[in-house]
Amino acid sequence: MAGSSQFVKELREKTGAGILDCQKALSENGNDIEKAVDYLRQKGLAAAAKKAGRETNQGLIHSYIHMGGKIGVLIEVNCETDFVARNEEFKAFVNDLALQVAAAKPSFVKREDVPADVAEKEKTIYEGQAKEMGKPPAAWPKIVEGKLEKFYQESCLLEQSFIKDPAVTIKDLLAQKISKIGENMNVRRFTRYQLGEA
């Protein structure tokens, strides 16, 4: 039993999931930690999807200043209740998101926020790059699609890899928090300031 409690502890540290969820994930996946992590992530996404329609009109506007005042971030993250907004885990999550914005410099919250003209401009640039590399025209759409996907992963906060755990995207992290805390949450908006930049 000591071995299995060690697995549960390790899984909890990796995912932040509850003890019973970790025990179930491990038993369903033969004590394979990596498979259990994937199992919990899938379950977290399912739980988050169920809560997605619920209204989020509480939350926090959080400020974060980095590098002795050279980078600043304001971020608004919404939740369903004032109770959760005062919760230390929610506050820590919001702070992690502010750190992410400071470090990874996203321009948008999600890909749906990218204006159509910006996406079209990127597509035109990528098509030009494919042409310059001498790629056959039949391959251009696939190349453009791949580069546009990479653009979204770099430019959209929810698509980025979490700086503290690159195996997890911010979207997955949000789903885990929704599942664990039990309320719908939403990253509403952010602004990143860097000294000397417009």
N, C-alpha and C. Protein backbone atom coordinates (compact mmCIF):
# COMPACT_ATOMS: atom_id res chain seq x y z
N MET A 1 0.83 -1.22 0.00
CA MET A 1 0.00 0.00 0.00
C MET A 1 0.86 1.26 0.00
N ALA A 2 2.08 1.16 0.62
CA ALA A 2 2.97 2.33 0.66
C ALA A 2 3.32 2.79 -0.74
N GLY A 3 3.54 1.79 -1.63
CA GLY A 3 3.87 2.12 -3.02
C GLY A 3 2.75 2.89 -3.69
N SER A 4 1.51 2.44 -3.49
CA SER A 4 0.39 3.10 -4.16
C SER A 4 0.16 4.50 -3.60
N SER A 5 0.39 4.70 -2.31
CA SER A 5 0.23 6.05 -1.75
C SER A 5 1.31 6.99 -2.31
N GLN A 6 2.49 6.43 -2.61
CA GLN A 6 3.55 7.23 -3.23
C GLN A 6 3.11 7.65 -4.64
N PHE A 7 2.46 6.73 -5.38
CA PHE A 7 1.95 7.05 -6.71
C PHE A 7 0.90 8.16 -6.63
N VAL A 8 0.00 8.02 -5.65
CA VAL A 8 -1.05 9.03 -5.46
C VAL A 8 -0.43 10.39 -5.17
N LYS A 9 0.55 10.40 -4.29
CA LYS A 9 1.23 11.66 -3.93
C LYS A 9 1.88 12.29 -5.16
N GLU A 10 2.58 11.47 -5.93
CA GLU A 10 3.26 11.97 -7.14
C GLU A 10 2.26 12.51 -8.15
N LEU A 11 1.15 11.79 -8.33
CA LEU A 11 0.13 12.22 -9.27
C LEU A 11 -0.54 13.52 -8.82
N ARG A 12 -0.78 13.63 -7.51
CA ARG A 12 -1.38 14.86 -6.98
C ARG A 12 -0.46 16.05 -7.21
N GLU A 13 0.87 15.84 -7.01
CA GLU A 13 1.83 16.92 -7.21
C GLU A 13 1.86 17.36 -8.68
N LYS A 14 1.72 16.39 -9.57
CA LYS A 14 1.77 16.70 -11.01
C LYS A 14 0.51 17.38 -11.51
N THR A 15 -0.65 16.99 -10.95
CA THR A 15 -1.92 17.44 -11.53
C THR A 15 -2.75 18.36 -10.63
N GLY A 16 -2.51 18.32 -9.33
CA GLY A 16 -3.34 19.10 -8.42
C GLY A 16 -4.72 18.49 -8.21
N ALA A 17 -4.95 17.27 -8.72
CA ALA A 17 -6.25 16.62 -8.57
C ALA A 17 -6.43 16.08 -7.15
N GLY A 18 -7.67 15.80 -6.78
CA GLY A 18 -7.97 15.29 -5.45
C GLY A 18 -7.52 13.84 -5.27
N ILE A 19 -7.43 13.39 -4.02
CA ILE A 19 -6.94 12.05 -3.69
C ILE A 19 -7.77 10.97 -4.37
N LEU A 20 -9.10 11.06 -4.25
CA LEU A 20 -9.97 10.03 -4.84
C LEU A 20 -9.83 9.97 -6.35
N ASP A 21 -9.74 11.16 -6.99
CA ASP A 21 -9.56 11.20 -8.44
C ASP A 21 -8.23 10.56 -8.84
N CYS A 22 -7.19 10.83 -8.06
CA CYS A 22 -5.87 10.24 -8.34
C CYS A 22 -5.89 8.73 -8.18
N GLN A 23 -6.54 8.26 -7.10
CA GLN A 23 -6.63 6.81 -6.87
C GLN A 23 -7.37 6.13 -8.02
N LYS A 24 -8.47 6.74 -8.47
CA LYS A 24 -9.25 6.17 -9.56
C LYS A 24 -8.43 6.16 -10.85
N ALA A 25 -7.74 7.27 -11.13
CA ALA A 25 -6.93 7.38 -12.35
C ALA A 25 -5.83 6.32 -12.37
N LEU A 26 -5.20 6.11 -11.22
CA LEU A 26 -4.14 5.12 -11.13
C LEU A 26 -4.68 3.70 -11.28
N SER A 27 -5.81 3.41 -10.64
CA SER A 27 -6.37 2.05 -10.73
C SER A 27 -6.85 1.77 -12.16
N GLU A 28 -7.38 2.79 -12.85
CA GLU A 28 -7.85 2.61 -14.23
C GLU A 28 -6.69 2.44 -15.21
N ASN A 29 -5.49 2.88 -14.80
CA ASN A 29 -4.35 2.88 -15.72
C ASN A 29 -3.15 2.09 -15.19
N GLY A 30 -3.42 1.09 -14.35
CA GLY A 30 -2.39 0.17 -13.87
C GLY A 30 -1.21 0.85 -13.19
N ASN A 31 -1.47 1.90 -12.42
CA ASN A 31 -0.44 2.66 -11.70
C ASN A 31 0.61 3.31 -12.61
N ASP A 32 0.26 3.50 -13.89
CA ASP A 32 1.15 4.19 -14.83
C ASP A 32 0.88 5.70 -14.68
N ILE A 33 1.86 6.40 -14.12
CA ILE A 33 1.69 7.83 -13.82
C ILE A 33 1.34 8.64 -15.06
N GLU A 34 2.08 8.43 -16.15
CA GLU A 34 1.85 9.23 -17.36
C GLU A 34 0.45 9.01 -17.93
N LYS A 35 0.01 7.75 -17.95
CA LYS A 35 -1.35 7.45 -18.44
C LYS A 35 -2.39 8.05 -17.50
N ALA A 36 -2.10 8.01 -16.20
CA ALA A 36 -3.03 8.58 -15.21
C ALA A 36 -3.13 10.09 -15.38
N VAL A 37 -2.01 10.75 -15.69
CA VAL A 37 -2.02 12.20 -15.94
C VAL A 37 -2.92 12.49 -17.14
N ASP A 38 -2.74 11.74 -18.23
CA ASP A 38 -3.57 11.94 -19.42
C ASP A 38 -5.04 11.70 -19.10
N TYR A 39 -5.32 10.65 -18.33
CA TYR A 39 -6.68 10.32 -17.93
C TYR A 39 -7.32 11.49 -17.16
N LEU A 40 -6.57 12.03 -16.20
CA LEU A 40 -7.09 13.16 -15.41
C LEU A 40 -7.28 14.40 -16.27
N ARG A 41 -6.37 14.63 -17.20
CA ARG A 41 -6.51 15.79 -18.08
C ARG A 41 -7.78 15.65 -18.92
N GLN A 42 -8.04 14.45 -19.42
CA GLN A 42 -9.25 14.23 -20.21
C GLN A 42 -10.49 14.44 -19.35
N LYS A 43 -10.47 13.90 -18.14
CA LYS A 43 -11.60 14.06 -17.23
C LYS A 43 -11.79 15.53 -16.86
N GLY A 44 -10.67 16.23 -16.65
CA GLY A 44 -10.72 17.66 -16.31
C GLY A 44 -11.36 18.46 -17.42
N LEU A 45 -11.00 18.13 -18.65
CA LEU A 45 -11.58 18.82 -19.80
C LEU A 45 -13.07 18.54 -19.88
N ALA A 46 -13.46 17.30 -19.60
CA ALA A 46 -14.87 16.94 -19.63
C ALA A 46 -15.63 17.70 -18.54
N ALA A 47 -15.05 17.76 -17.34
CA ALA A 47 -15.70 18.47 -16.24
C ALA A 47 -15.78 19.96 -16.55
N ALA A 48 -14.73 20.50 -17.14
CA ALA A 48 -14.71 21.92 -17.49
C ALA A 48 -15.76 22.22 -18.55
N ALA A 49 -15.92 21.32 -19.51
CA ALA A 49 -16.89 21.52 -20.59
C ALA A 49 -18.31 21.61 -20.02
N LYS A 50 -18.61 20.80 -18.99
CA LYS A 50 -19.93 20.83 -18.37
C LYS A 50 -20.21 22.18 -17.71
N LYS A 51 -19.17 22.83 -17.21
CA LYS A 51 -19.34 24.09 -16.48
C LYS A 51 -19.23 25.31 -17.41
N ALA A 52 -18.86 25.08 -18.67
CA ALA A 52 -18.53 26.17 -19.58
C ALA A 52 -19.67 27.18 -19.79
N GLY A 53 -20.91 26.73 -19.72
CA GLY A 53 -22.02 27.65 -19.97
C GLY A 53 -22.39 28.52 -18.78
N ARG A 54 -21.83 28.24 -17.63
CA ARG A 54 -22.22 28.97 -16.43
C ARG A 54 -21.60 30.37 -16.42
N GLU A 55 -22.36 31.32 -15.93
CA GLU A 55 -21.96 32.73 -15.95
C GLU A 55 -20.80 33.01 -14.99
N THR A 56 -19.86 33.84 -15.47
CA THR A 56 -18.70 34.22 -14.64
C THR A 56 -18.67 35.74 -14.53
N ASN A 57 -19.25 36.27 -13.45
CA ASN A 57 -19.25 37.73 -13.30
C ASN A 57 -18.56 38.18 -12.01
N GLN A 58 -17.83 37.27 -11.38
CA GLN A 58 -16.97 37.61 -10.24
C GLN A 58 -15.53 37.38 -10.68
N GLY A 59 -14.58 37.58 -9.78
CA GLY A 59 -13.19 37.31 -10.13
C GLY A 59 -12.23 38.36 -9.62
N LEU A 60 -11.12 38.48 -10.33
CA LEU A 60 -10.05 39.40 -9.90
C LEU A 60 -9.47 40.15 -11.08
N ILE A 61 -9.09 41.39 -10.81
CA ILE A 61 -8.17 42.10 -11.69
C ILE A 61 -6.88 42.15 -10.90
N HIS A 62 -5.85 41.56 -11.47
CA HIS A 62 -4.58 41.37 -10.76
C HIS A 62 -3.47 42.12 -11.49
N SER A 63 -2.58 42.73 -10.72
CA SER A 63 -1.43 43.41 -11.33
C SER A 63 -0.15 42.68 -10.92
N TYR A 64 0.78 42.65 -11.85
CA TYR A 64 2.07 42.00 -11.60
C TYR A 64 3.16 42.89 -12.21
N ILE A 65 4.15 43.20 -11.42
CA ILE A 65 5.28 44.01 -11.88
C ILE A 65 6.54 43.16 -11.82
N HIS A 66 7.32 43.17 -12.90
CA HIS A 66 8.49 42.30 -13.04
C HIS A 66 9.73 43.12 -13.37
N MET A 67 10.87 42.55 -13.07
CA MET A 67 12.18 43.14 -13.40
C MET A 67 12.32 44.58 -12.92
N GLY A 68 12.01 44.80 -11.65
CA GLY A 68 12.20 46.12 -11.07
C GLY A 68 11.43 47.22 -11.76
N GLY A 69 10.23 46.90 -12.21
CA GLY A 69 9.38 47.92 -12.81
C GLY A 69 9.53 48.04 -14.32
N LYS A 70 10.20 47.11 -14.95
CA LYS A 70 10.40 47.19 -16.41
C LYS A 70 9.26 46.51 -17.22
N ILE A 71 8.57 45.55 -16.59
CA ILE A 71 7.43 44.89 -17.23
C ILE A 71 6.27 44.88 -16.24
N GLY A 72 5.08 45.21 -16.72
CA GLY A 72 3.89 45.18 -15.88
C GLY A 72 2.75 44.50 -16.60
N VAL A 73 1.91 43.80 -15.85
CA VAL A 73 0.76 43.11 -16.43
C VAL A 73 -0.47 43.41 -15.59
N LEU A 74 -1.58 43.69 -16.26
CA LEU A 74 -2.90 43.74 -15.63
C LEU A 74 -3.71 42.63 -16.29
N ILE A 75 -4.33 41.79 -15.49
CA ILE A 75 -5.11 40.68 -16.06
C ILE A 75 -6.42 40.54 -15.29
N GLU A 76 -7.51 40.27 -16.03
CA GLU A 76 -8.81 40.01 -15.41
C GLU A 76 -9.18 38.56 -15.66
N VAL A 77 -9.42 37.82 -14.57
CA VAL A 77 -9.86 36.44 -14.64
C VAL A 77 -11.17 36.36 -13.87
N ASN A 78 -12.19 35.81 -14.52
CA ASN A 78 -13.52 35.74 -13.92
C ASN A 78 -13.83 34.34 -13.41
N CYS A 79 -14.69 34.29 -12.39
CA CYS A 79 -15.21 33.03 -11.85
C CYS A 79 -16.68 33.27 -11.51
N GLU A 80 -17.33 32.27 -10.95
CA GLU A 80 -18.76 32.37 -10.70
C GLU A 80 -19.12 33.09 -9.40
N THR A 81 -18.29 32.92 -8.35
CA THR A 81 -18.66 33.47 -7.05
C THR A 81 -17.53 34.26 -6.42
N ASP A 82 -17.92 35.18 -5.56
CA ASP A 82 -16.98 35.98 -4.79
C ASP A 82 -16.15 35.09 -3.86
N PHE A 83 -16.77 34.01 -3.39
CA PHE A 83 -16.09 33.05 -2.50
C PHE A 83 -14.83 32.49 -3.18
N VAL A 84 -14.97 32.06 -4.42
CA VAL A 84 -13.83 31.52 -5.17
C VAL A 84 -12.82 32.62 -5.48
N ALA A 85 -13.30 33.82 -5.78
CA ALA A 85 -12.41 34.94 -6.09
C ALA A 85 -11.47 35.24 -4.92
N ARG A 86 -11.92 34.94 -3.69
CA ARG A 86 -11.08 35.18 -2.49
C ARG A 86 -10.23 33.96 -2.13
N ASN A 87 -10.45 32.84 -2.82
CA ASN A 87 -9.74 31.59 -2.57
C ASN A 87 -8.26 31.73 -2.95
N GLU A 88 -7.37 31.24 -2.08
CA GLU A 88 -5.92 31.37 -2.31
C GLU A 88 -5.47 30.64 -3.58
N GLU A 89 -6.08 29.49 -3.86
CA GLU A 89 -5.69 28.75 -5.06
C GLU A 89 -6.05 29.54 -6.33
N PHE A 90 -7.23 30.16 -6.31
CA PHE A 90 -7.65 30.99 -7.46
C PHE A 90 -6.69 32.17 -7.62
N LYS A 91 -6.35 32.81 -6.52
CA LYS A 91 -5.42 33.95 -6.57
C LYS A 91 -4.06 33.53 -7.12
N ALA A 92 -3.58 32.37 -6.68
CA ALA A 92 -2.28 31.86 -7.16
C ALA A 92 -2.35 31.56 -8.66
N PHE A 93 -3.49 31.02 -9.11
CA PHE A 93 -3.69 30.74 -10.53
C PHE A 93 -3.66 32.03 -11.35
N VAL A 94 -4.35 33.05 -10.87
CA VAL A 94 -4.37 34.34 -11.56
C VAL A 94 -2.95 34.92 -11.62
N ASN A 95 -2.22 34.80 -10.53
CA ASN A 95 -0.83 35.28 -10.52
C ASN A 95 0.03 34.51 -11.53
N ASP A 96 -0.18 33.19 -11.61
CA ASP A 96 0.55 32.38 -12.61
C ASP A 96 0.24 32.86 -14.02
N LEU A 97 -1.02 33.22 -14.26
CA LEU A 97 -1.39 33.72 -15.58
C LEU A 97 -0.72 35.06 -15.87
N ALA A 98 -0.63 35.91 -14.85
CA ALA A 98 0.06 37.20 -15.02
C ALA A 98 1.54 36.98 -15.32
N LEU A 99 2.16 36.02 -14.62
CA LEU A 99 3.57 35.67 -14.89
C LEU A 99 3.72 35.18 -16.33
N GLN A 100 2.77 34.37 -16.78
CA GLN A 100 2.78 33.84 -18.14
C GLN A 100 2.76 34.98 -19.16
N VAL A 101 1.87 35.94 -18.94
CA VAL A 101 1.74 37.08 -19.85
C VAL A 101 3.04 37.89 -19.86
N ALA A 102 3.63 38.10 -18.67
CA ALA A 102 4.89 38.86 -18.59
C ALA A 102 6.01 38.15 -19.35
N ALA A 103 6.11 36.83 -19.19
CA ALA A 103 7.22 36.07 -19.76
C ALA A 103 7.02 35.71 -21.23
N ALA A 104 5.80 35.31 -21.60
CA ALA A 104 5.58 34.74 -22.93
C ALA A 104 4.99 35.72 -23.95
N LYS A 105 4.64 36.91 -23.51
CA LYS A 105 4.18 38.00 -24.38
C LYS A 105 3.05 37.65 -25.34
N PRO A 106 1.95 37.02 -24.89
CA PRO A 106 0.85 36.78 -25.82
C PRO A 106 0.21 38.10 -26.24
N SER A 107 -0.45 38.10 -27.38
CA SER A 107 -1.15 39.30 -27.86
C SER A 107 -2.66 39.19 -27.68
N PHE A 108 -3.16 37.96 -27.59
CA PHE A 108 -4.60 37.72 -27.53
C PHE A 108 -4.89 36.66 -26.46
N VAL A 109 -6.13 36.63 -25.96
CA VAL A 109 -6.51 35.60 -24.99
C VAL A 109 -6.67 34.25 -25.70
N LYS A 110 -7.46 34.24 -26.78
CA LYS A 110 -7.72 32.99 -27.51
C LYS A 110 -7.72 33.25 -29.00
N ARG A 111 -7.66 32.19 -29.78
CA ARG A 111 -7.54 32.35 -31.24
C ARG A 111 -8.74 33.07 -31.84
N GLU A 112 -9.92 32.94 -31.22
CA GLU A 112 -11.11 33.63 -31.73
C GLU A 112 -10.97 35.15 -31.60
N ASP A 113 -10.04 35.62 -30.76
CA ASP A 113 -9.82 37.06 -30.58
C ASP A 113 -8.91 37.66 -31.65
N VAL A 114 -8.24 36.81 -32.42
CA VAL A 114 -7.33 37.31 -33.46
C VAL A 114 -8.17 37.89 -34.59
N PRO A 115 -8.02 39.19 -34.90
CA PRO A 115 -8.81 39.79 -35.97
C PRO A 115 -8.55 39.07 -37.31
N ALA A 116 -9.59 38.97 -38.13
CA ALA A 116 -9.49 38.26 -39.41
C ALA A 116 -8.39 38.85 -40.29
N ASP A 117 -8.23 40.18 -40.27
CA ASP A 117 -7.20 40.80 -41.13
C ASP A 117 -5.79 40.42 -40.67
N VAL A 118 -5.60 40.23 -39.37
CA VAL A 118 -4.29 39.81 -38.84
C VAL A 118 -3.99 38.38 -39.30
N ALA A 119 -4.98 37.50 -39.18
CA ALA A 119 -4.79 36.11 -39.60
C ALA A 119 -4.52 36.04 -41.10
N GLU A 120 -5.25 36.85 -41.88
CA GLU A 120 -5.04 36.86 -43.34
C GLU A 120 -3.65 37.36 -43.70
N LYS A 121 -3.19 38.39 -42.98
CA LYS A 121 -1.84 38.93 -43.23
C LYS A 121 -0.79 37.85 -42.95
N GLU A 122 -0.96 37.12 -41.84
CA GLU A 122 -0.03 36.04 -41.51
C GLU A 122 -0.03 34.97 -42.60
N LYS A 123 -1.22 34.59 -43.07
CA LYS A 123 -1.33 33.58 -44.13
C LYS A 123 -0.58 34.01 -45.38
N THR A 124 -0.73 35.29 -45.76
CA THR A 124 -0.05 35.83 -46.95
C THR A 124 1.46 35.76 -46.79
N ILE A 125 1.94 36.11 -45.59
CA ILE A 125 3.39 36.05 -45.31
C ILE A 125 3.89 34.61 -45.41
N TYR A 126 3.15 33.67 -44.82
CA TYR A 126 3.57 32.26 -44.82
C TYR A 126 3.56 31.68 -46.24
N GLU A 127 2.57 32.09 -47.03
CA GLU A 127 2.52 31.62 -48.42
C GLU A 127 3.72 32.15 -49.20
N GLY A 128 4.07 33.42 -48.95
CA GLY A 128 5.25 34.02 -49.57
C GLY A 128 6.53 33.30 -49.17
N GLN A 129 6.60 32.92 -47.89
CA GLN A 129 7.78 32.18 -47.40
C GLN A 129 7.89 30.81 -48.09
N ALA A 130 6.74 30.13 -48.24
CA ALA A 130 6.73 28.81 -48.89
C ALA A 130 7.20 28.95 -50.34
N LYS A 131 6.74 30.01 -51.00
CA LYS A 131 7.12 30.28 -52.39
C LYS A 131 8.62 30.54 -52.48
N GLU A 132 9.14 31.38 -51.56
CA GLU A 132 10.57 31.71 -51.54
C GLU A 132 11.44 30.48 -51.30
N MET A 133 10.94 29.52 -50.51
CA MET A 133 11.71 28.31 -50.22
C MET A 133 11.66 27.32 -51.39
N GLY A 134 10.89 27.67 -52.44
CA GLY A 134 10.82 26.81 -53.61
C GLY A 134 9.90 25.61 -53.44
N LYS A 135 9.00 25.69 -52.47
CA LYS A 135 8.06 24.58 -52.25
C LYS A 135 7.00 24.58 -53.36
N PRO A 136 6.54 23.39 -53.77
CA PRO A 136 5.52 23.33 -54.83
C PRO A 136 4.20 23.95 -54.34
N PRO A 137 3.49 24.64 -55.23
CA PRO A 137 2.23 25.29 -54.84
C PRO A 137 1.23 24.36 -54.15
N ALA A 138 1.24 23.08 -54.52
CA ALA A 138 0.31 22.13 -53.89
C ALA A 138 0.58 21.96 -52.39
N ALA A 139 1.83 22.23 -51.97
CA ALA A 139 2.21 22.08 -50.56
C ALA A 139 1.94 23.34 -49.73
N TRP A 140 1.69 24.46 -50.41
CA TRP A 140 1.53 25.73 -49.69
C TRP A 140 0.43 25.72 -48.63
N PRO A 141 -0.79 25.22 -48.94
CA PRO A 141 -1.84 25.26 -47.91
C PRO A 141 -1.45 24.54 -46.62
N LYS A 142 -0.79 23.39 -46.74
CA LYS A 142 -0.37 22.61 -45.57
C LYS A 142 0.68 23.39 -44.77
N ILE A 143 1.63 24.02 -45.49
CA ILE A 143 2.69 24.81 -44.84
C ILE A 143 2.06 26.00 -44.13
N VAL A 144 1.15 26.70 -44.82
CA VAL A 144 0.48 27.88 -44.24
C VAL A 144 -0.29 27.48 -42.98
N GLU A 145 -1.02 26.35 -43.06
CA GLU A 145 -1.81 25.87 -41.93
C GLU A 145 -0.92 25.58 -40.71
N GLY A 146 0.22 24.90 -40.96
CA GLY A 146 1.15 24.58 -39.88
C GLY A 146 1.75 25.83 -39.23
N LYS A 147 2.12 26.80 -40.07
CA LYS A 147 2.72 28.04 -39.54
C LYS A 147 1.67 28.88 -38.81
N LEU A 148 0.43 28.87 -39.32
CA LEU A 148 -0.64 29.62 -38.65
C LEU A 148 -0.94 29.01 -37.28
N GLU A 149 -0.91 27.68 -37.20
CA GLU A 149 -1.12 27.00 -35.92
C GLU A 149 -0.04 27.42 -34.93
N LYS A 150 1.20 27.48 -35.39
CA LYS A 150 2.32 27.91 -34.54
C LYS A 150 2.13 29.36 -34.09
N PHE A 151 1.64 30.21 -35.00
CA PHE A 151 1.34 31.61 -34.67
C PHE A 151 0.34 31.68 -33.52
N TYR A 152 -0.74 30.87 -33.60
CA TYR A 152 -1.75 30.86 -32.53
C TYR A 152 -1.12 30.39 -31.21
N GLN A 153 -0.27 29.37 -31.28
CA GLN A 153 0.36 28.84 -30.07
C GLN A 153 1.28 29.86 -29.41
N GLU A 154 1.85 30.75 -30.20
CA GLU A 154 2.74 31.77 -29.64
C GLU A 154 1.98 33.03 -29.23
N SER A 155 0.93 33.39 -29.97
CA SER A 155 0.25 34.67 -29.78
C SER A 155 -0.96 34.64 -28.86
N CYS A 156 -1.54 33.46 -28.65
CA CYS A 156 -2.77 33.36 -27.86
C CYS A 156 -2.47 32.72 -26.51
N LEU A 157 -2.79 33.43 -25.44
CA LEU A 157 -2.49 32.97 -24.08
C LEU A 157 -2.97 31.54 -23.83
N LEU A 158 -4.22 31.23 -24.19
CA LEU A 158 -4.77 29.91 -23.88
C LEU A 158 -4.08 28.78 -24.66
N GLU A 159 -3.43 29.12 -25.77
CA GLU A 159 -2.77 28.11 -26.60
C GLU A 159 -1.32 27.88 -26.19
N GLN A 160 -0.77 28.79 -25.38
CA GLN A 160 0.65 28.71 -25.02
C GLN A 160 0.92 27.56 -24.05
N SER A 161 2.16 27.07 -24.09
CA SER A 161 2.62 26.10 -23.09
C SER A 161 2.87 26.88 -21.80
N PHE A 162 2.45 26.31 -20.68
CA PHE A 162 2.61 26.94 -19.37
C PHE A 162 4.10 27.03 -19.04
N ILE A 163 4.59 28.21 -18.69
CA ILE A 163 6.02 28.39 -18.44
C ILE A 163 6.53 27.54 -17.28
N LYS A 164 5.66 27.21 -16.32
CA LYS A 164 6.09 26.40 -15.19
C LYS A 164 6.02 24.90 -15.48
N ASP A 165 5.29 24.51 -16.53
CA ASP A 165 5.16 23.10 -16.93
C ASP A 165 4.82 23.05 -18.42
N PRO A 166 5.83 23.08 -19.30
CA PRO A 166 5.59 23.17 -20.74
C PRO A 166 4.79 22.02 -21.34
N ALA A 167 4.59 20.93 -20.59
CA ALA A 167 3.78 19.82 -21.11
C ALA A 167 2.28 20.16 -21.08
N VAL A 168 1.92 21.25 -20.39
CA VAL A 168 0.53 21.64 -20.21
C VAL A 168 0.29 22.99 -20.88
N THR A 169 -0.80 23.10 -21.65
CA THR A 169 -1.16 24.41 -22.20
C THR A 169 -1.95 25.19 -21.15
N ILE A 170 -2.05 26.48 -21.34
CA ILE A 170 -2.84 27.32 -20.42
C ILE A 170 -4.30 26.89 -20.46
N LYS A 171 -4.79 26.50 -21.65
CA LYS A 171 -6.17 26.02 -21.78
C LYS A 171 -6.39 24.78 -20.91
N ASP A 172 -5.42 23.85 -20.92
CA ASP A 172 -5.50 22.64 -20.09
C ASP A 172 -5.42 22.98 -18.61
N LEU A 173 -4.53 23.92 -18.28
CA LEU A 173 -4.38 24.35 -16.89
C LEU A 173 -5.69 24.96 -16.38
N LEU A 174 -6.31 25.79 -17.21
CA LEU A 174 -7.60 26.39 -16.86
C LEU A 174 -8.64 25.30 -16.62
N ALA A 175 -8.68 24.29 -17.50
CA ALA A 175 -9.63 23.18 -17.35
C ALA A 175 -9.39 22.42 -16.05
N GLN A 176 -8.11 22.21 -15.70
CA GLN A 176 -7.78 21.53 -14.43
C GLN A 176 -8.28 22.33 -13.24
N LYS A 177 -8.09 23.65 -13.29
CA LYS A 177 -8.53 24.50 -12.17
C LYS A 177 -10.05 24.52 -12.06
N ILE A 178 -10.74 24.57 -13.21
CA ILE A 178 -12.21 24.54 -13.20
C ILE A 178 -12.68 23.23 -12.57
N SER A 179 -12.05 22.13 -12.96
CA SER A 179 -12.42 20.82 -12.43
C SER A 179 -12.15 20.74 -10.93
N LYS A 180 -10.99 21.23 -10.50
CA LYS A 180 -10.59 21.11 -9.10
C LYS A 180 -11.40 22.04 -8.20
N ILE A 181 -11.56 23.31 -8.62
CA ILE A 181 -12.26 24.29 -7.78
C ILE A 181 -13.77 24.13 -7.90
N GLY A 182 -14.24 23.64 -9.05
CA GLY A 182 -15.66 23.35 -9.21
C GLY A 182 -16.50 24.50 -9.72
N GLU A 183 -15.86 25.51 -10.30
CA GLU A 183 -16.59 26.63 -10.87
C GLU A 183 -16.04 26.93 -12.26
N ASN A 184 -16.91 27.48 -13.10
CA ASN A 184 -16.46 27.94 -14.41
C ASN A 184 -15.54 29.15 -14.21
N MET A 185 -14.50 29.24 -15.01
CA MET A 185 -13.57 30.38 -14.97
C MET A 185 -13.29 30.81 -16.38
N ASN A 186 -12.91 32.06 -16.51
CA ASN A 186 -12.73 32.64 -17.82
C ASN A 186 -11.64 33.71 -17.76
N VAL A 187 -10.64 33.61 -18.64
CA VAL A 187 -9.65 34.69 -18.74
C VAL A 187 -10.29 35.74 -19.65
N ARG A 188 -10.62 36.89 -19.06
CA ARG A 188 -11.39 37.89 -19.83
C ARG A 188 -10.49 38.75 -20.70
N ARG A 189 -9.42 39.31 -20.09
CA ARG A 189 -8.54 40.21 -20.85
C ARG A 189 -7.26 40.45 -20.06
N PHE A 190 -6.26 40.97 -20.77
CA PHE A 190 -5.01 41.35 -20.12
C PHE A 190 -4.36 42.47 -20.92
N THR A 191 -3.48 43.18 -20.25
CA THR A 191 -2.64 44.18 -20.89
C THR A 191 -1.22 44.00 -20.36
N ARG A 192 -0.28 44.00 -21.26
CA ARG A 192 1.15 43.85 -20.88
C ARG A 192 1.88 45.13 -21.26
N TYR A 193 2.60 45.67 -20.30
CA TYR A 193 3.38 46.89 -20.52
C TYR A 193 4.86 46.56 -20.41
N GLN A 194 5.65 47.08 -21.33
CA GLN A 194 7.10 46.93 -21.22
C GLN A 194 7.71 48.32 -21.38
N LEU A 195 8.58 48.68 -20.45
CA LEU A 195 9.20 49.98 -20.44
C LEU A 195 9.83 50.28 -21.80
N GLY A 196 9.49 51.45 -22.36
CA GLY A 196 10.09 51.86 -23.62
C GLY A 196 9.39 51.34 -24.86
N GLU A 197 8.35 50.46 -24.69
CA GLU A 197 7.62 49.94 -25.84
C GLU A 197 6.24 50.58 -25.91
N ALA A 198 5.76 50.80 -27.14
CA ALA A 198 4.44 51.40 -27.32
C ALA A 198 3.35 50.39 -27.08
